[in-house]
N, C-alpha and C. Protein backbone atom coordinates (compact mmCIF):
# COMPACT_ATOMS: atom_id res chain seq x y z
N UNK A 1 -17.30 10.19 143.16
CA UNK A 1 -18.06 9.04 143.04
C UNK A 1 -18.49 8.74 141.65
N UNK A 2 -18.79 9.82 140.90
CA UNK A 2 -19.18 9.67 139.48
C UNK A 2 -17.98 9.01 138.60
N UNK A 3 -16.80 9.32 138.91
CA UNK A 3 -15.59 8.61 138.34
C UNK A 3 -15.54 7.14 138.63
N UNK A 4 -15.74 6.89 139.87
CA UNK A 4 -15.75 5.49 140.34
C UNK A 4 -16.74 4.68 139.52
N UNK A 5 -18.04 5.24 139.49
CA UNK A 5 -19.09 4.59 138.73
C UNK A 5 -18.80 4.36 137.32
N UNK A 6 -18.26 5.50 136.68
CA UNK A 6 -18.00 5.46 135.18
C UNK A 6 -16.94 4.42 134.90
N UNK A 7 -15.97 4.37 135.89
CA UNK A 7 -14.76 3.47 135.53
C UNK A 7 -15.05 2.02 136.05
N UNK A 8 -15.83 1.75 136.94
CA UNK A 8 -15.98 0.35 137.56
C UNK A 8 -17.27 -0.31 137.43
N UNK A 9 -18.34 0.44 137.21
CA UNK A 9 -19.65 -0.20 137.29
C UNK A 9 -19.85 -1.46 136.26
N UNK A 10 -19.52 -1.26 135.01
CA UNK A 10 -19.66 -2.18 133.93
C UNK A 10 -18.60 -3.30 134.07
N UNK A 11 -17.37 -2.89 134.38
CA UNK A 11 -16.39 -4.05 134.59
C UNK A 11 -16.62 -4.91 135.78
N UNK A 12 -17.13 -4.31 136.80
CA UNK A 12 -17.39 -5.23 138.08
C UNK A 12 -18.64 -6.04 137.67
N UNK A 13 -19.69 -5.40 137.11
CA UNK A 13 -20.95 -6.22 136.76
C UNK A 13 -20.49 -7.30 135.77
N UNK A 14 -19.69 -7.14 134.83
CA UNK A 14 -19.26 -8.09 133.90
C UNK A 14 -18.56 -9.22 134.66
N UNK A 15 -17.36 -8.81 135.59
CA UNK A 15 -16.63 -9.83 136.14
C UNK A 15 -17.43 -10.74 137.11
N UNK A 16 -18.29 -10.10 137.79
CA UNK A 16 -19.22 -10.86 138.81
C UNK A 16 -20.18 -11.72 138.11
N UNK A 17 -20.73 -11.17 136.95
CA UNK A 17 -21.63 -11.95 136.24
C UNK A 17 -21.02 -13.22 135.60
N UNK A 18 -19.70 -13.10 135.20
CA UNK A 18 -18.95 -14.25 134.66
C UNK A 18 -18.72 -15.26 135.86
N UNK A 19 -18.37 -14.82 136.92
CA UNK A 19 -18.18 -15.81 138.10
C UNK A 19 -19.61 -16.48 138.46
N UNK A 20 -20.66 -15.61 138.41
CA UNK A 20 -21.95 -16.16 138.71
C UNK A 20 -22.33 -17.19 137.68
N UNK A 21 -22.09 -16.91 136.45
CA UNK A 21 -22.35 -17.82 135.29
C UNK A 21 -21.64 -19.14 135.34
N UNK A 22 -20.34 -19.10 135.62
CA UNK A 22 -19.54 -20.23 135.83
C UNK A 22 -20.10 -21.13 137.04
N UNK A 23 -20.20 -20.45 138.12
CA UNK A 23 -20.63 -21.14 139.36
C UNK A 23 -22.13 -21.67 139.21
N UNK A 24 -23.06 -21.03 138.49
CA UNK A 24 -24.34 -21.44 138.23
C UNK A 24 -24.33 -22.65 137.21
N UNK A 25 -23.62 -22.62 136.23
CA UNK A 25 -23.50 -23.73 135.36
C UNK A 25 -22.90 -25.03 136.18
N UNK A 26 -21.97 -24.81 136.88
CA UNK A 26 -21.43 -25.86 137.73
C UNK A 26 -22.43 -26.52 138.65
N UNK A 27 -23.31 -25.64 139.29
CA UNK A 27 -24.32 -26.11 140.17
C UNK A 27 -25.46 -26.92 139.47
N UNK A 28 -25.62 -26.25 138.19
CA UNK A 28 -26.85 -26.88 137.46
C UNK A 28 -26.35 -28.34 136.99
N UNK A 29 -25.11 -28.57 136.71
CA UNK A 29 -24.59 -29.91 136.20
C UNK A 29 -24.08 -30.68 137.47
N UNK A 30 -24.20 -30.12 138.67
CA UNK A 30 -23.91 -30.83 139.91
C UNK A 30 -22.39 -31.21 139.91
N UNK A 31 -21.57 -30.27 139.48
CA UNK A 31 -20.15 -30.38 139.39
C UNK A 31 -19.58 -29.66 140.59
N UNK A 32 -18.89 -30.34 141.57
CA UNK A 32 -18.37 -29.73 142.74
C UNK A 32 -19.24 -28.72 143.42
N UNK A 33 -20.46 -29.34 143.64
CA UNK A 33 -21.54 -28.41 144.38
C UNK A 33 -20.92 -27.74 145.70
N UNK A 34 -20.07 -28.45 146.39
CA UNK A 34 -19.75 -27.90 147.76
C UNK A 34 -18.75 -26.73 147.39
N UNK A 35 -18.04 -26.76 146.33
CA UNK A 35 -17.06 -25.63 146.04
C UNK A 35 -17.88 -24.49 145.52
N UNK A 36 -18.89 -24.69 144.70
CA UNK A 36 -19.53 -23.56 144.11
C UNK A 36 -20.68 -22.96 144.68
N UNK A 37 -21.36 -23.66 145.56
CA UNK A 37 -22.61 -23.20 146.19
C UNK A 37 -22.54 -21.79 146.96
N UNK A 38 -21.59 -21.76 147.96
CA UNK A 38 -21.30 -20.59 148.64
C UNK A 38 -20.80 -19.36 147.71
N UNK A 39 -19.91 -19.70 146.85
CA UNK A 39 -19.45 -18.80 145.95
C UNK A 39 -20.59 -18.19 145.19
N UNK A 40 -21.32 -19.02 144.59
CA UNK A 40 -22.42 -18.57 143.71
C UNK A 40 -23.53 -17.67 144.59
N UNK A 41 -23.76 -18.14 145.77
CA UNK A 41 -24.71 -17.28 146.60
C UNK A 41 -24.19 -16.00 146.99
N UNK A 42 -22.96 -15.98 147.45
CA UNK A 42 -22.35 -14.67 148.04
C UNK A 42 -21.99 -13.67 146.92
N UNK A 43 -21.33 -14.22 145.90
CA UNK A 43 -20.78 -13.37 144.82
C UNK A 43 -22.13 -12.87 143.99
N UNK A 44 -23.15 -13.76 143.98
CA UNK A 44 -24.43 -13.17 143.18
C UNK A 44 -25.02 -12.03 144.05
N UNK A 45 -24.95 -12.06 145.40
CA UNK A 45 -25.40 -11.11 146.16
C UNK A 45 -24.46 -9.74 146.05
N UNK A 46 -23.26 -9.98 146.02
CA UNK A 46 -22.24 -8.93 145.74
C UNK A 46 -22.36 -8.28 144.36
N UNK A 47 -22.95 -9.06 143.34
CA UNK A 47 -23.18 -8.56 142.03
C UNK A 47 -24.27 -7.51 142.13
N UNK A 48 -25.14 -7.47 143.05
CA UNK A 48 -26.22 -6.50 143.21
C UNK A 48 -25.61 -4.99 143.22
N UNK A 49 -24.58 -4.83 143.90
CA UNK A 49 -24.01 -3.54 144.00
C UNK A 49 -23.52 -3.00 142.77
N UNK A 50 -22.64 -3.56 141.94
CA UNK A 50 -22.30 -3.03 140.62
C UNK A 50 -23.45 -3.02 139.72
N UNK A 51 -24.37 -3.98 139.85
CA UNK A 51 -25.50 -3.74 138.95
C UNK A 51 -26.27 -2.53 139.32
N UNK A 52 -26.51 -2.14 140.45
CA UNK A 52 -27.16 -0.84 140.63
C UNK A 52 -26.27 0.26 140.11
N UNK A 53 -24.94 0.14 140.37
CA UNK A 53 -24.03 1.27 139.81
C UNK A 53 -24.18 1.29 138.24
N UNK A 54 -24.29 0.21 137.69
CA UNK A 54 -24.37 0.06 136.19
C UNK A 54 -25.59 0.67 135.61
N UNK A 55 -26.78 0.28 136.51
CA UNK A 55 -28.10 1.03 136.14
C UNK A 55 -28.10 2.43 136.20
N UNK A 56 -27.47 2.95 137.37
CA UNK A 56 -27.33 4.29 137.56
C UNK A 56 -26.52 5.02 136.57
N UNK A 57 -25.42 4.33 136.13
CA UNK A 57 -24.71 5.00 135.08
C UNK A 57 -25.30 4.96 133.73
N UNK A 58 -26.17 4.09 133.41
CA UNK A 58 -26.87 3.83 132.11
C UNK A 58 -28.30 4.33 132.21
N UNK A 59 -28.63 5.10 133.25
CA UNK A 59 -30.10 5.42 133.42
C UNK A 59 -30.72 6.05 132.24
N UNK A 60 -29.97 6.94 131.48
CA UNK A 60 -30.51 7.65 130.34
C UNK A 60 -30.91 6.70 129.24
N UNK A 61 -29.99 5.62 129.18
CA UNK A 61 -30.28 4.64 128.02
C UNK A 61 -31.46 3.75 128.50
N UNK A 62 -31.72 3.40 129.81
CA UNK A 62 -32.77 2.78 130.31
C UNK A 62 -34.08 3.38 130.02
N UNK A 63 -34.01 4.74 130.38
CA UNK A 63 -35.15 5.47 130.10
C UNK A 63 -35.63 5.55 128.54
N UNK A 64 -34.55 5.49 127.67
CA UNK A 64 -34.94 5.38 126.26
C UNK A 64 -35.70 4.01 125.86
N UNK A 65 -35.09 2.93 126.46
CA UNK A 65 -35.84 1.59 126.47
C UNK A 65 -37.36 1.82 126.85
N UNK A 66 -37.45 2.44 127.94
CA UNK A 66 -38.89 2.60 128.60
C UNK A 66 -39.76 3.48 127.59
N UNK A 67 -39.15 4.52 127.09
CA UNK A 67 -39.98 5.37 126.20
C UNK A 67 -40.34 4.84 124.83
N UNK A 68 -39.38 3.85 124.33
CA UNK A 68 -39.68 3.11 123.22
C UNK A 68 -40.47 1.81 123.46
N UNK A 69 -40.70 1.56 124.61
CA UNK A 69 -41.48 0.39 125.15
C UNK A 69 -40.81 -0.88 124.72
N UNK A 70 -39.52 -0.92 124.74
CA UNK A 70 -38.79 -2.19 124.43
C UNK A 70 -38.25 -2.86 125.56
N UNK A 71 -38.46 -2.27 126.82
CA UNK A 71 -37.91 -2.86 127.93
C UNK A 71 -39.02 -3.82 128.57
N UNK A 72 -40.32 -3.61 128.38
CA UNK A 72 -41.45 -4.12 129.04
C UNK A 72 -41.48 -5.74 128.54
N UNK A 73 -41.38 -6.00 127.37
CA UNK A 73 -41.53 -7.41 126.83
C UNK A 73 -40.43 -8.27 127.44
N UNK A 74 -39.26 -7.99 127.41
CA UNK A 74 -38.23 -8.73 127.92
C UNK A 74 -38.41 -8.87 129.41
N UNK A 75 -38.66 -7.83 130.28
CA UNK A 75 -39.01 -7.98 131.61
C UNK A 75 -40.20 -8.92 131.84
N UNK A 76 -41.31 -8.78 131.27
CA UNK A 76 -42.45 -9.66 131.47
C UNK A 76 -42.10 -11.20 130.95
N UNK A 77 -41.21 -11.19 129.99
CA UNK A 77 -40.81 -12.61 129.56
C UNK A 77 -40.03 -13.25 130.72
N UNK A 78 -39.09 -12.56 131.19
CA UNK A 78 -38.37 -13.01 132.27
C UNK A 78 -39.27 -13.57 133.52
N UNK A 79 -40.16 -12.74 133.78
CA UNK A 79 -41.12 -12.99 134.84
C UNK A 79 -42.00 -14.17 134.55
N UNK A 80 -42.45 -14.38 133.31
CA UNK A 80 -43.22 -15.50 133.02
C UNK A 80 -42.27 -16.79 133.04
N UNK A 81 -41.08 -16.65 132.61
CA UNK A 81 -40.22 -17.89 132.69
C UNK A 81 -39.91 -18.23 134.16
N UNK A 82 -39.80 -17.20 135.06
CA UNK A 82 -39.41 -17.43 136.41
C UNK A 82 -40.58 -17.94 137.22
N UNK A 83 -41.72 -17.55 137.11
CA UNK A 83 -42.89 -17.97 137.75
C UNK A 83 -43.14 -19.48 138.04
N UNK A 84 -43.07 -20.41 136.94
CA UNK A 84 -43.25 -21.72 137.20
C UNK A 84 -42.42 -22.31 138.27
N UNK A 85 -41.10 -21.80 138.16
CA UNK A 85 -40.04 -22.28 139.26
C UNK A 85 -40.50 -21.89 140.57
N UNK A 86 -40.82 -20.74 140.75
CA UNK A 86 -41.39 -20.06 141.93
C UNK A 86 -42.53 -20.95 142.57
N UNK A 87 -43.46 -21.16 141.67
CA UNK A 87 -44.72 -21.82 142.08
C UNK A 87 -44.31 -23.24 142.56
N UNK A 88 -43.53 -23.94 141.75
CA UNK A 88 -43.03 -25.35 142.21
C UNK A 88 -42.29 -25.29 143.52
N UNK A 89 -41.40 -24.44 143.69
CA UNK A 89 -40.73 -24.33 144.90
C UNK A 89 -41.50 -24.03 146.03
N UNK A 90 -42.48 -23.16 145.93
CA UNK A 90 -43.34 -22.85 147.01
C UNK A 90 -44.38 -23.96 147.29
N UNK A 91 -44.88 -24.50 146.36
CA UNK A 91 -45.74 -25.66 146.58
C UNK A 91 -45.25 -27.00 146.89
N UNK A 92 -43.96 -27.19 146.76
CA UNK A 92 -43.34 -28.44 147.05
C UNK A 92 -43.84 -29.55 146.12
N UNK A 93 -44.32 -29.23 144.95
CA UNK A 93 -44.79 -30.15 143.99
C UNK A 93 -43.64 -30.88 143.43
N UNK A 94 -43.91 -31.52 142.34
CA UNK A 94 -42.94 -32.54 141.59
C UNK A 94 -41.68 -31.65 141.50
N UNK A 95 -40.67 -32.22 142.15
CA UNK A 95 -39.33 -31.65 141.90
C UNK A 95 -39.24 -30.21 142.69
N UNK A 96 -40.37 -29.86 143.30
CA UNK A 96 -40.26 -28.57 144.01
C UNK A 96 -39.61 -28.64 145.44
N UNK A 97 -39.17 -27.47 145.75
CA UNK A 97 -38.49 -27.44 147.11
C UNK A 97 -37.24 -28.04 147.12
N UNK A 98 -36.39 -27.84 148.14
CA UNK A 98 -35.12 -28.31 148.37
C UNK A 98 -35.13 -29.76 148.70
N UNK A 99 -34.53 -30.69 147.97
CA UNK A 99 -34.66 -32.12 148.33
C UNK A 99 -34.00 -32.47 149.70
N UNK A 100 -32.95 -31.65 150.11
CA UNK A 100 -32.37 -31.81 151.50
C UNK A 100 -33.50 -31.60 152.58
N UNK A 101 -34.27 -30.53 152.38
CA UNK A 101 -35.44 -30.23 153.52
C UNK A 101 -36.29 -31.26 153.45
N UNK A 102 -36.75 -31.72 152.21
CA UNK A 102 -37.67 -32.83 152.11
C UNK A 102 -37.20 -34.11 152.84
N UNK A 103 -35.81 -34.44 152.64
CA UNK A 103 -35.30 -35.68 153.18
C UNK A 103 -35.26 -35.51 154.74
N UNK A 104 -34.90 -34.22 155.21
CA UNK A 104 -34.90 -34.16 156.67
C UNK A 104 -36.27 -34.39 157.26
N UNK A 105 -37.29 -33.75 156.54
CA UNK A 105 -38.69 -33.92 156.98
C UNK A 105 -39.03 -35.38 157.12
N UNK A 106 -38.72 -36.17 156.05
CA UNK A 106 -39.01 -37.68 156.08
C UNK A 106 -38.27 -38.42 157.09
N UNK A 107 -37.02 -38.03 157.38
CA UNK A 107 -36.29 -38.70 158.41
C UNK A 107 -36.67 -38.49 159.81
N UNK A 108 -37.17 -37.19 160.05
CA UNK A 108 -37.65 -36.88 161.32
C UNK A 108 -39.05 -37.44 161.66
N UNK A 109 -39.73 -37.91 160.67
CA UNK A 109 -41.13 -38.53 160.76
C UNK A 109 -40.96 -39.99 160.98
N UNK A 110 -39.76 -40.60 160.72
CA UNK A 110 -39.62 -42.02 160.72
C UNK A 110 -39.36 -42.48 162.07
N UNK A 111 -39.97 -43.79 162.47
CA UNK A 111 -39.68 -44.25 163.77
C UNK A 111 -38.15 -44.61 163.89
N UNK A 112 -37.69 -44.64 165.15
CA UNK A 112 -36.27 -44.96 165.31
C UNK A 112 -35.95 -46.30 164.65
N UNK A 113 -36.89 -47.25 164.75
CA UNK A 113 -36.59 -48.55 164.18
C UNK A 113 -36.29 -48.48 162.65
N UNK A 114 -36.97 -47.61 161.94
CA UNK A 114 -36.65 -47.45 160.55
C UNK A 114 -35.49 -46.46 160.29
N UNK A 115 -35.25 -45.58 161.12
CA UNK A 115 -34.25 -44.54 160.92
C UNK A 115 -32.80 -45.10 161.36
N UNK A 116 -32.73 -45.88 162.23
CA UNK A 116 -31.40 -46.35 162.74
C UNK A 116 -30.61 -46.96 161.69
N UNK A 117 -31.00 -47.89 160.86
CA UNK A 117 -30.20 -48.40 159.73
C UNK A 117 -29.61 -47.35 158.82
N UNK A 118 -30.46 -46.28 158.47
CA UNK A 118 -29.91 -45.27 157.63
C UNK A 118 -28.89 -44.41 158.39
N UNK A 119 -28.81 -44.44 159.76
CA UNK A 119 -27.74 -43.78 160.42
C UNK A 119 -26.69 -44.82 160.77
N UNK A 120 -26.67 -45.95 160.26
CA UNK A 120 -25.53 -46.98 160.43
C UNK A 120 -25.55 -47.34 161.91
N UNK A 121 -26.65 -47.63 162.53
CA UNK A 121 -26.64 -48.02 163.98
C UNK A 121 -27.96 -48.92 164.24
N UNK A 122 -28.09 -49.24 165.52
CA UNK A 122 -29.31 -50.03 165.67
C UNK A 122 -30.27 -49.21 166.42
N UNK A 123 -31.55 -49.61 166.42
CA UNK A 123 -32.57 -48.76 167.14
C UNK A 123 -32.17 -48.50 168.64
N UNK A 124 -31.83 -49.57 169.27
CA UNK A 124 -31.49 -49.59 170.71
C UNK A 124 -30.25 -48.45 171.00
N UNK A 125 -29.25 -48.60 169.99
CA UNK A 125 -28.04 -47.65 170.25
C UNK A 125 -28.56 -46.39 169.81
N UNK A 126 -29.41 -46.07 168.94
CA UNK A 126 -29.90 -44.79 168.60
C UNK A 126 -30.67 -44.07 169.73
N UNK A 127 -31.53 -44.97 170.35
CA UNK A 127 -32.24 -44.50 171.54
C UNK A 127 -31.36 -44.19 172.65
N UNK A 128 -30.23 -45.01 172.96
CA UNK A 128 -29.35 -44.70 174.00
C UNK A 128 -28.61 -43.49 173.70
N UNK A 129 -28.27 -43.22 172.41
CA UNK A 129 -27.45 -41.92 172.01
C UNK A 129 -28.35 -40.79 172.19
N UNK A 130 -29.65 -40.74 171.90
CA UNK A 130 -30.48 -39.73 172.15
C UNK A 130 -30.57 -39.37 173.65
N UNK A 131 -30.86 -40.41 174.36
CA UNK A 131 -30.85 -40.34 175.81
C UNK A 131 -29.62 -39.66 176.42
N UNK A 132 -28.47 -40.11 176.00
CA UNK A 132 -27.12 -39.77 176.48
C UNK A 132 -26.96 -38.18 176.10
N UNK A 133 -27.58 -37.84 175.03
CA UNK A 133 -27.48 -36.38 174.62
C UNK A 133 -28.56 -35.40 175.25
N UNK A 134 -29.42 -36.21 176.18
CA UNK A 134 -30.26 -35.34 177.00
C UNK A 134 -31.74 -35.24 176.37
N UNK A 135 -31.87 -35.85 175.18
CA UNK A 135 -33.19 -35.83 174.65
C UNK A 135 -34.18 -36.85 175.33
N UNK A 136 -35.49 -36.38 175.41
CA UNK A 136 -36.51 -37.12 175.98
C UNK A 136 -36.94 -38.32 175.05
N UNK A 137 -36.35 -39.38 174.94
CA UNK A 137 -36.56 -40.53 174.05
C UNK A 137 -37.06 -41.54 174.80
N UNK A 138 -38.37 -42.06 174.63
CA UNK A 138 -38.91 -42.97 175.53
C UNK A 138 -38.82 -44.48 174.97
N UNK A 139 -38.82 -44.60 173.52
CA UNK A 139 -38.91 -46.05 173.01
C UNK A 139 -38.40 -45.94 171.56
N UNK A 140 -38.01 -47.06 171.06
CA UNK A 140 -37.48 -47.18 169.77
C UNK A 140 -38.54 -47.01 168.65
N UNK A 141 -39.79 -46.87 169.13
CA UNK A 141 -41.06 -46.68 168.24
C UNK A 141 -41.24 -45.09 167.99
N UNK A 142 -40.61 -44.35 168.77
CA UNK A 142 -40.82 -42.92 168.65
C UNK A 142 -39.97 -42.37 167.39
N UNK A 143 -40.58 -41.29 166.93
CA UNK A 143 -39.97 -40.65 165.84
C UNK A 143 -39.12 -39.40 166.36
N UNK A 144 -38.32 -38.84 165.63
CA UNK A 144 -37.45 -37.76 166.09
C UNK A 144 -38.28 -36.50 166.33
N UNK A 145 -39.41 -36.42 165.53
CA UNK A 145 -40.25 -35.30 165.77
C UNK A 145 -40.91 -35.31 167.18
N UNK A 146 -41.20 -36.52 167.54
CA UNK A 146 -41.76 -36.74 168.92
C UNK A 146 -40.66 -36.46 170.08
N UNK A 147 -39.56 -36.88 169.76
CA UNK A 147 -38.43 -36.78 170.66
C UNK A 147 -38.20 -35.32 170.78
N UNK A 148 -38.11 -34.59 169.76
CA UNK A 148 -37.81 -33.16 169.64
C UNK A 148 -38.90 -32.41 170.31
N UNK A 149 -40.07 -32.77 170.13
CA UNK A 149 -41.22 -32.02 170.77
C UNK A 149 -41.19 -32.27 172.35
N UNK A 150 -40.91 -33.53 172.76
CA UNK A 150 -40.92 -33.82 174.14
C UNK A 150 -39.72 -33.10 174.82
N UNK A 151 -38.64 -32.89 173.99
CA UNK A 151 -37.38 -32.26 174.50
C UNK A 151 -37.33 -30.80 174.39
N UNK A 152 -38.41 -30.10 173.67
CA UNK A 152 -38.34 -28.62 173.42
C UNK A 152 -37.18 -28.38 172.52
N UNK A 153 -36.95 -29.17 171.46
CA UNK A 153 -35.99 -28.88 170.60
C UNK A 153 -36.44 -29.01 168.99
N UNK A 154 -35.88 -28.40 168.05
CA UNK A 154 -36.30 -28.52 166.77
C UNK A 154 -35.96 -29.90 166.27
N UNK A 155 -36.80 -30.44 165.52
CA UNK A 155 -36.68 -31.94 164.99
C UNK A 155 -35.39 -32.04 164.16
N UNK A 156 -35.10 -31.02 163.25
CA UNK A 156 -33.85 -31.03 162.51
C UNK A 156 -32.69 -31.06 163.32
N UNK A 157 -32.65 -30.36 164.51
CA UNK A 157 -31.58 -30.33 165.34
C UNK A 157 -31.21 -31.62 165.94
N UNK A 158 -32.24 -32.41 166.41
CA UNK A 158 -32.15 -33.58 166.87
C UNK A 158 -31.50 -34.53 165.86
N UNK A 159 -32.01 -34.43 164.75
CA UNK A 159 -31.44 -35.36 163.47
C UNK A 159 -30.05 -35.03 163.30
N UNK A 160 -29.57 -33.85 163.27
CA UNK A 160 -28.17 -33.49 162.98
C UNK A 160 -27.36 -33.88 164.17
N UNK A 161 -27.92 -34.01 165.38
CA UNK A 161 -27.17 -34.48 166.52
C UNK A 161 -26.70 -35.91 166.44
N UNK A 162 -27.59 -36.67 165.78
CA UNK A 162 -27.21 -38.17 165.72
C UNK A 162 -26.78 -38.51 164.30
N UNK A 163 -26.60 -37.69 163.44
CA UNK A 163 -25.88 -38.11 162.09
C UNK A 163 -24.59 -38.68 162.40
N UNK A 164 -24.21 -39.75 161.66
CA UNK A 164 -22.85 -40.13 161.78
C UNK A 164 -21.70 -39.20 161.28
N UNK A 165 -20.67 -39.18 161.76
CA UNK A 165 -19.56 -38.29 161.30
C UNK A 165 -18.96 -39.01 160.18
N UNK A 166 -18.56 -38.36 159.17
CA UNK A 166 -17.76 -38.82 158.10
C UNK A 166 -16.52 -38.41 158.00
């Protein structure tokens, strides 16, 4: 095991960090997000394993940073930089939260009369589609949240059911 760690911990960390960097930059600039999103998430998770091996391999060096008190300032700085993003994401404040989730929430709160044009249909056709799918939709003035509650289904599931295929 020690040979494996000494031979592969740093190269695997470096390689996966490079992939994470490229995919992260692509996501930041919204280049081919569909291509890079899963790659970034999964390979960043995979990066954790060689990172742990790298820390294990270099534990004595890390202890030296701790003894010289040179590790704490960078760690605190990283935390300070990350905190505003976490607070915005949790609060749903300006630019906070996933825009797709916010859009889904808005769409499920809209009456069918307002939602239908966004789904490239008429309110009557949307109502009929919901009813044909077994949802308890009473009128074109209902919202998908009401339809979902009456049907015992999550509102986002009802919305996804009636989204037009592309």
